[in-house]
Protein backbone atom coordinates (compact mmCIF):
# COMPACT_ATOMS: atom_id res chain seq x y z
CA MET A 1 0.00 0.00 0.00
CA PRO A 2 1.41 3.43 -0.88
CA ASP A 3 2.31 5.84 1.88
CA SER A 4 -0.82 7.95 2.37
CA TYR A 5 1.10 11.17 2.96
CA ALA A 6 2.93 10.74 -0.35
CA VAL A 7 -0.36 10.10 -2.14
CA VAL A 8 -2.04 13.15 -0.56
CA LEU A 9 0.98 15.26 -1.52
CA ASP A 10 0.90 13.92 -5.08
CA VAL A 11 -2.82 14.61 -5.51
CA LEU A 12 -2.57 18.11 -4.05
CA THR A 13 0.38 19.07 -6.24
CA HIS A 14 -0.41 17.28 -9.50
CA THR A 15 -4.21 17.28 -9.58
CA PHE A 16 -4.93 20.56 -7.83
CA GLY A 17 -1.77 22.43 -8.78
CA VAL A 18 -0.76 23.33 -5.23
CA PRO A 19 2.96 24.20 -5.26
CA THR A 20 5.04 21.59 -3.42
CA THR A 21 6.52 24.35 -1.28
CA GLU A 22 3.02 25.17 0.01
CA VAL A 23 2.32 21.66 1.32
CA SER A 24 3.65 20.58 4.71
CA PRO A 25 2.42 18.08 7.31
CA HIS A 26 0.92 20.75 9.57
CA ARG A 27 -0.67 22.79 6.79
CA GLU A 28 -4.48 22.94 6.93
CA LEU A 29 -6.37 22.21 3.72
CA GLY A 30 -8.26 25.49 4.08
CA THR A 31 -5.01 27.41 3.71
CA LEU A 32 -4.28 25.72 0.38
CA GLU A 33 -7.17 27.52 -1.32
CA LEU A 34 -9.26 24.37 -1.77
CA ASP A 35 -12.96 25.18 -1.72
CA SER A 36 -15.59 22.67 -0.61
CA LEU A 37 -16.00 21.24 -4.11
CA ALA A 38 -12.25 20.74 -4.47
CA ARG A 39 -12.08 19.04 -1.07
CA ALA A 40 -14.94 16.71 -2.06
CA GLU A 41 -13.04 15.84 -5.25
CA LEU A 42 -9.89 15.31 -3.17
CA ALA A 43 -11.77 12.83 -0.97
CA LEU A 44 -13.03 10.92 -4.01
CA ILE A 45 -9.59 10.75 -5.62
CA LEU A 46 -7.98 9.57 -2.37
CA LYS A 47 -10.67 6.91 -1.97
CA GLU A 48 -9.96 5.65 -5.49
CA ARG A 49 -6.17 5.81 -5.23
CA LEU A 50 -5.85 4.24 -1.78
CA GLY A 51 -8.87 1.96 -1.72
CA VAL A 52 -10.03 3.24 1.66
CA MET A 53 -13.16 5.07 2.72
CA CYS A 54 -12.77 8.84 2.44
CA SER A 55 -15.63 11.30 2.19
CA ASP A 56 -15.98 15.06 2.05
CA GLN A 57 -16.58 14.98 5.82
CA ASP A 58 -13.01 13.71 6.25
CA VAL A 59 -11.51 16.75 4.51
CA PRO A 60 -12.82 19.86 6.30
CA PRO A 61 -10.83 23.09 5.90
CA GLY A 62 -9.24 22.68 9.34
CA VAL A 63 -7.75 19.22 8.81
CA THR A 64 -3.99 19.14 8.34
CA VAL A 65 -2.30 17.20 5.58
CA GLU A 66 -0.66 14.99 8.21
CA ALA A 67 -3.95 14.31 10.02
CA LEU A 68 -5.65 13.39 6.75
CA ALA A 69 -2.82 11.00 5.85
CA GLY A 70 -3.00 9.48 9.35
CA LEU A 71 -6.74 8.94 9.00
CA LEU A 72 -6.24 7.23 5.66
CA ASP A 73 -3.44 5.06 7.07
CA ALA A 74 -5.66 4.05 9.99
CA ARG A 75 -8.40 2.97 7.58
CA ALA A 76 -6.05 0.95 5.41
CA PRO A 77 -6.49 -2.79 5.72
CA CYS A 78 -3.71 -4.55 7.57
CA ARG A 79 -1.54 -6.46 5.20
CA PRO A 80 0.86 -9.21 6.22
CA ARG A 81 4.48 -8.31 5.87
CA THR A 82 6.31 -9.93 3.06
CA GLY A 83 9.96 -10.71 3.34
CA PRO A 84 12.44 -13.51 3.54
CA ALA A 85 11.15 -16.67 5.16
CA GLU A 86 12.49 -17.22 8.62
CA ALA A 87 14.82 -20.16 9.01
CA GLY A 88 13.28 -22.56 11.32
């Protein structure tokens, strides 16, 4: 599963044209000039990209980029770790 913060950053910068220098973990979405329609679209795109539930209620103007990514990470299904088999 992709890192949610990286996906949020990618969507904000590439889909909505927010300059990378404007996005930081503690930045609130409302300060990035995203109106309610843009935030609803953001929620839909994140839901599609990450495969987790995300609605317009999850992206109010006061939510930070980091908090949104944390919410998405918390909703991600747990996946077993893959790696070398343990010698036994």
